[in-house]
Protein backbone atom coordinates (compact mmCIF):
# COMPACT_ATOMS: atom_id res chain seq x y z
CA UNK A 1 -0.59 -25.34 17.92
CA UNK A 2 -1.19 -22.71 15.24
CA UNK A 3 -4.55 -21.76 16.76
CA UNK A 4 -2.78 -21.01 20.06
CA UNK A 5 -0.13 -19.00 18.24
CA UNK A 6 -2.83 -16.95 16.52
CA UNK A 7 -4.68 -16.29 19.80
CA UNK A 8 -1.43 -15.14 21.39
CA UNK A 9 -0.65 -12.88 18.45
CA UNK A 10 -4.13 -11.35 18.52
CA UNK A 11 -3.77 -10.68 22.25
CA UNK A 12 -0.41 -9.02 21.66
CA UNK A 13 -1.87 -6.96 18.77
CA UNK A 14 -4.80 -5.77 20.84
CA UNK A 15 -3.13 -5.10 24.20
CA UNK A 16 0.52 -4.37 23.19
CA UNK A 17 1.43 -6.64 26.11
CA UNK A 18 5.02 -7.77 26.73
CA UNK A 19 3.66 -10.92 28.38
CA UNK A 20 1.51 -11.69 25.34
CA UNK A 21 4.45 -11.26 22.97
CA UNK A 22 6.56 -13.51 25.20
CA UNK A 23 3.84 -16.15 24.90
CA UNK A 24 3.94 -15.78 21.12
CA UNK A 25 7.72 -16.21 21.10
CA UNK A 26 7.50 -19.41 23.13
CA UNK A 27 4.76 -20.86 20.97
CA UNK A 28 6.69 -20.14 17.79
CA UNK A 29 9.20 -22.78 18.83
CA UNK A 30 6.53 -25.41 18.19
CA UNK A 31 5.90 -24.36 14.58
CA UNK A 32 8.08 -26.43 12.27
CA UNK A 33 7.89 -28.13 8.92
CA UNK A 34 5.16 -27.56 6.36
CA UNK A 35 2.58 -30.38 6.55
CA UNK A 36 2.33 -32.65 3.53
CA UNK A 37 -0.80 -31.95 1.43
CA UNK A 38 -3.37 -34.62 0.47
CA UNK A 39 -2.35 -37.06 -2.26
CA UNK A 40 -4.41 -35.26 -4.92
CA UNK A 41 -2.53 -31.97 -4.37
CA UNK A 42 1.09 -31.23 -5.30
CA UNK A 43 3.15 -28.92 -3.05
CA UNK A 44 6.23 -27.17 -4.40
CA UNK A 45 8.61 -25.04 -2.29
CA UNK A 46 10.19 -22.06 -4.01
CA UNK A 47 12.21 -19.00 -3.10
CA UNK A 48 12.20 -15.48 -4.52
CA UNK A 49 15.31 -13.40 -4.02
CA UNK A 50 14.64 -9.90 -2.73
CA UNK A 51 17.34 -7.46 -1.63
CA UNK A 52 19.60 -10.21 -0.38
CA UNK A 53 16.82 -12.13 1.36
CA UNK A 54 14.99 -15.28 0.28
CA UNK A 55 11.19 -14.92 0.32
CA UNK A 56 9.68 -18.40 0.65
CA UNK A 57 6.70 -19.43 -1.44
CA UNK A 58 4.49 -22.52 -1.13
CA UNK A 59 2.71 -23.51 -4.36
CA UNK A 60 -0.28 -25.87 -4.17
CA UNK A 61 -1.74 -27.23 -7.43
CA UNK A 62 -3.70 -30.20 -8.77
CA UNK A 63 -1.78 -33.27 -9.96
CA UNK A 64 -2.53 -32.36 -13.56
CA UNK A 65 -0.91 -28.94 -13.92
CA UNK A 66 -2.38 -28.62 -17.42
CA UNK A 67 -5.79 -28.08 -15.82
CA UNK A 68 -4.65 -24.98 -13.89
CA UNK A 69 -6.40 -21.86 -15.18
CA UNK A 70 -5.47 -19.26 -12.58
CA UNK A 71 -3.02 -18.41 -9.82
CA UNK A 72 -4.44 -17.35 -6.45
CA UNK A 73 -1.97 -15.62 -4.13
CA UNK A 74 -2.78 -16.12 -0.45
CA UNK A 75 -1.60 -13.40 1.95
CA UNK A 76 -1.40 -13.98 5.71
CA UNK A 77 -2.10 -11.53 8.51
CA UNK A 78 0.09 -10.19 11.32
CA UNK A 79 0.48 -13.72 12.65
CA UNK A 80 2.63 -14.60 9.66
CA UNK A 81 2.89 -18.26 8.74
CA UNK A 82 3.26 -19.39 12.39
CA UNK A 83 -0.17 -17.96 13.20
CA UNK A 84 -2.06 -18.07 9.91
CA UNK A 85 -0.36 -20.87 7.99
CA UNK A 86 -2.94 -23.54 8.86
CA UNK A 87 -5.79 -21.32 7.67
CA UNK A 88 -4.15 -20.39 4.38
CA UNK A 89 -2.96 -23.92 3.66
CA UNK A 90 -6.47 -25.30 4.10
CA UNK A 91 -7.72 -22.67 1.64
CA UNK A 92 -4.84 -23.54 -0.71
CA UNK A 93 -5.75 -27.23 -0.77
CA UNK A 94 -9.40 -26.42 -1.55
CA UNK A 95 -8.35 -24.04 -4.33
CA UNK A 96 -5.94 -26.58 -5.83
CA UNK A 97 -8.68 -29.21 -5.85
CA UNK A 98 -10.84 -26.74 -7.78
CA UNK A 99 -8.19 -26.35 -10.49
CA UNK A 100 -6.26 -23.28 -9.31
CA UNK A 101 -2.63 -22.87 -8.36
CA UNK A 102 -2.70 -21.51 -4.80
CA UNK A 103 0.47 -19.65 -3.81
CA UNK A 104 1.09 -18.92 -0.12
CA UNK A 105 3.65 -16.11 0.04
CA UNK A 106 5.71 -15.62 3.20
CA UNK A 107 6.13 -11.94 2.47
CA UNK A 108 7.42 -11.17 5.98
CA UNK A 109 10.67 -12.82 4.82
CA UNK A 110 11.35 -9.68 2.78
CA UNK A 111 11.88 -7.70 5.98
CA UNK A 112 13.10 -10.48 8.27
CA UNK A 113 9.95 -10.76 10.43
CA UNK A 114 7.92 -13.72 11.70
CA UNK A 115 5.06 -11.77 13.31
CA UNK A 116 4.54 -8.02 13.59
CA UNK A 117 2.80 -5.27 15.54
CA UNK A 118 0.55 -2.64 14.02
CA UNK A 119 3.40 -0.15 14.09
CA UNK A 120 5.74 -2.47 12.22
CA UNK A 121 2.98 -3.31 9.74
CA UNK A 122 2.46 0.36 8.94
CA UNK A 123 6.20 0.92 8.57
CA UNK A 124 6.91 -2.14 6.42
CA UNK A 125 3.77 -2.23 4.24
CA UNK A 126 5.41 -0.34 1.33
CA UNK A 127 8.26 -2.88 1.20
CA UNK A 128 5.85 -5.83 1.36
CA UNK A 129 3.83 -4.34 -1.48
CA UNK A 130 6.98 -4.05 -3.58
CA UNK A 131 8.02 -7.68 -3.09
CA UNK A 132 4.47 -8.97 -3.62
CA UNK A 133 4.21 -6.94 -6.82
CA UNK A 134 7.54 -8.36 -8.01
CA UNK A 135 6.47 -11.94 -7.24
CA UNK A 136 3.13 -11.50 -9.01
CA UNK A 137 4.73 -9.91 -12.06
CA UNK A 138 7.29 -12.71 -12.22
CA UNK A 139 4.53 -15.32 -12.06
CA UNK A 140 2.59 -13.52 -14.79
CA UNK A 141 5.69 -13.53 -17.00
CA UNK A 142 6.18 -17.27 -16.52
CA UNK A 143 2.49 -18.17 -16.91
CA UNK A 144 1.01 -15.51 -19.23
CA UNK A 145 -2.15 -17.53 -19.94
CA UNK A 146 -3.25 -17.70 -16.31
CA UNK A 147 -5.49 -15.20 -14.56
CA UNK A 148 -4.12 -13.76 -11.32
CA UNK A 149 -6.22 -13.33 -8.20
CA UNK A 150 -5.59 -12.70 -4.50
CA UNK A 151 -7.11 -13.88 -1.22
CA UNK A 152 -5.94 -11.79 1.72
CA UNK A 153 -6.64 -12.40 5.40
CA UNK A 154 -6.57 -9.52 7.92
CA UNK A 155 -3.36 -7.52 7.23
CA UNK A 156 -3.05 -9.57 4.03
CA UNK A 157 -6.50 -8.30 3.03
CA UNK A 158 -5.51 -4.68 3.55
CA UNK A 159 -2.38 -5.27 1.48
CA UNK A 160 -4.41 -7.05 -1.22
CA UNK A 161 -6.71 -4.04 -1.56
CA UNK A 162 -3.75 -1.68 -1.91
CA UNK A 163 -2.08 -3.97 -4.45
CA UNK A 164 -5.25 -4.25 -6.55
CA UNK A 165 -5.91 -0.50 -6.41
CA UNK A 166 -2.42 0.73 -7.21
CA UNK A 167 0.16 -1.96 -8.05
CA UNK A 168 -1.02 -5.00 -10.03
CA UNK A 169 -3.80 -6.07 -12.37
CA UNK A 170 -6.02 -8.80 -10.91
CA UNK A 171 -9.00 -10.74 -12.25
CA UNK A 172 -10.76 -11.15 -8.89
CA UNK A 173 -10.18 -10.40 -5.22
CA UNK A 174 -11.31 -11.95 -1.93
CA UNK A 175 -10.61 -10.27 1.41
CA UNK A 176 -11.31 -11.90 4.76
CA UNK A 177 -11.67 -9.90 7.98
CA UNK A 178 -10.24 -6.75 6.41
CA UNK A 179 -11.55 -3.45 5.08
CA UNK A 180 -10.43 0.12 4.53
CA UNK A 181 -8.96 2.50 7.10
CA UNK A 182 -10.09 6.15 7.15
CA UNK A 183 -6.68 7.35 5.94
CA UNK A 184 -6.99 5.15 2.84
CA UNK A 185 -10.50 6.10 1.76
CA UNK A 186 -9.13 8.54 -0.84
CA UNK A 187 -7.68 5.69 -2.92
CA UNK A 188 -8.95 5.19 -6.45
CA UNK A 189 -10.91 1.96 -6.06
CA UNK A 190 -11.96 1.86 -9.72
CA UNK A 191 -8.94 -0.34 -10.53
CA UNK A 192 -10.15 -3.12 -8.23
CA UNK A 193 -11.45 -6.29 -9.90
CA UNK A 194 -14.76 -7.88 -8.85
CA UNK A 195 -14.42 -8.26 -5.11
CA UNK A 196 -15.86 -10.58 -2.45
CA UNK A 197 -15.56 -9.38 1.15
CA UNK A 198 -15.99 -11.92 3.97
CA UNK A 199 -16.17 -10.71 7.57
CA UNK A 200 -16.97 -12.22 10.95
CA UNK A 201 -19.76 -10.37 12.75
CA UNK A 202 -17.95 -10.79 16.09
CA UNK A 203 -14.56 -9.57 14.87
CA UNK A 204 -13.19 -7.14 17.48
CA UNK A 205 -9.72 -6.82 15.92
CA UNK A 206 -10.88 -5.49 12.52
CA UNK A 207 -14.38 -4.21 13.10
CA UNK A 208 -17.02 -5.09 10.46
CA UNK A 209 -17.70 -1.38 9.89
CA UNK A 210 -14.37 -1.20 8.05
CA UNK A 211 -15.47 -3.78 5.47
CA UNK A 212 -18.89 -2.13 5.23
CA UNK A 213 -17.13 1.10 4.29
CA UNK A 214 -14.94 -0.76 1.81
CA UNK A 215 -17.87 -2.22 -0.08
CA UNK A 216 -19.50 1.23 -0.22
CA UNK A 217 -16.35 2.78 -1.73
CA UNK A 218 -15.79 -0.07 -4.18
CA UNK A 219 -19.39 0.04 -5.42
CA UNK A 220 -19.24 3.83 -5.70
CA UNK A 221 -16.21 3.36 -7.96
CA UNK A 222 -18.30 1.19 -10.27
CA UNK A 223 -16.74 -2.14 -9.28
CA UNK A 224 -18.84 -5.25 -8.64
CA UNK A 225 -18.59 -6.11 -4.95
CA UNK A 226 -20.45 -8.17 -2.37
CA UNK A 227 -20.01 -8.50 1.38
CA UNK A 228 -20.83 -11.72 3.21
CA UNK A 229 -21.08 -11.59 6.99
CA UNK A 230 -20.03 -14.75 8.82
CA UNK A 231 -22.43 -14.93 11.76
CA UNK A 232 -20.84 -15.21 15.22
CA UNK A 233 -17.33 -15.56 13.77
CA UNK A 234 -14.49 -13.57 15.28
CA UNK A 235 -11.17 -12.52 13.78
CA UNK A 236 -9.78 -16.04 14.25
CA UNK A 237 -12.29 -18.29 12.52
CA UNK A 238 -13.80 -21.44 13.97
CA UNK A 239 -13.54 -24.71 12.05
CA UNK A 240 -17.03 -24.12 10.64
CA UNK A 241 -16.13 -20.54 9.74
CA UNK A 242 -13.03 -21.71 7.87
CA UNK A 243 -15.10 -24.23 5.91
CA UNK A 244 -17.72 -21.65 4.95
CA UNK A 245 -15.19 -18.99 4.03
CA UNK A 246 -13.13 -21.40 1.94
CA UNK A 247 -16.19 -22.73 0.11
CA UNK A 248 -17.38 -19.24 -0.77
CA UNK A 249 -13.92 -18.09 -1.87
CA UNK A 250 -13.46 -21.14 -4.11
CA UNK A 251 -16.93 -20.71 -5.63
CA UNK A 252 -16.32 -17.02 -6.21
CA UNK A 253 -12.98 -17.49 -7.92
CA UNK A 254 -14.08 -20.50 -9.96
CA UNK A 255 -17.43 -19.10 -11.08
CA UNK A 256 -16.19 -15.60 -11.80
CA UNK A 257 -13.15 -16.70 -13.77
CA UNK A 258 -15.24 -19.17 -15.75
CA UNK A 259 -18.22 -16.95 -16.55
CA UNK A 260 -17.15 -13.37 -15.86
CA UNK A 261 -20.28 -12.92 -13.75
CA UNK A 262 -20.62 -10.16 -11.20
CA UNK A 263 -19.05 -10.68 -7.81
CA UNK A 264 -21.16 -12.75 -5.46
CA UNK A 265 -23.97 -13.66 -7.86
CA UNK A 266 -23.71 -17.25 -6.63
CA UNK A 267 -23.97 -16.17 -2.97
CA UNK A 268 -27.25 -14.24 -2.88
CA UNK A 269 -28.72 -16.26 -0.03
CA UNK A 270 -25.77 -15.45 2.26
CA UNK A 271 -24.98 -11.92 1.14
CA UNK A 272 -25.66 -8.72 3.05
CA UNK A 273 -25.00 -5.42 1.26
């Protein structure tokens, strides 16, 4: 179901079609409760109050919370949770199994949206950044000994880059099928943490040239960064693409936070600069 929602959303994004958005609306009716995680992962539902709205948060962690050493915030794309929830939740389970707390934030709740267009995304991005910053700062206050990192997909990746550059202090960053737009190239990228950029070579929604430009700007700012191209993957990943991307993200977060090594040192065989 969620794969069909995502395809409908991507069609609506690309073609601005009323018919495509109607398809999305009908498919949303089939997206219901959050699936239960595997038995070795604990799921907690939380809410963060923001300007009279409740922003929902899903927290995935290992059974032994004492083993958690970092919090990874997972940010969805324009498809919101109806379109991108399955992808982020699979990443969250893998991260929890590796000893991280993985926090899926439904940041669209802050503005009352389920899915958005490019125009709405541009208009609402400042508000989403504010609520994400508030949630991250609140988490840091409650768990001061944990490192904070972000994994952002598509729109979530663009937001993650802005957050890391201007709003919050992060220990590591992973962006998937995202990059930098020409109007944002003047940002000061020196504040970014070590960064891993994953991008499908067949992505026609966010073209790979945007992530190529991002890695150039990040490296020029003196930040460790690597880009990994996922061969033949589009904007919506295949099952194999999800597995590869999740494995590399988990390895990057776990290895970097444990050793402080440069971004992507464990991925040389799959990395293209």
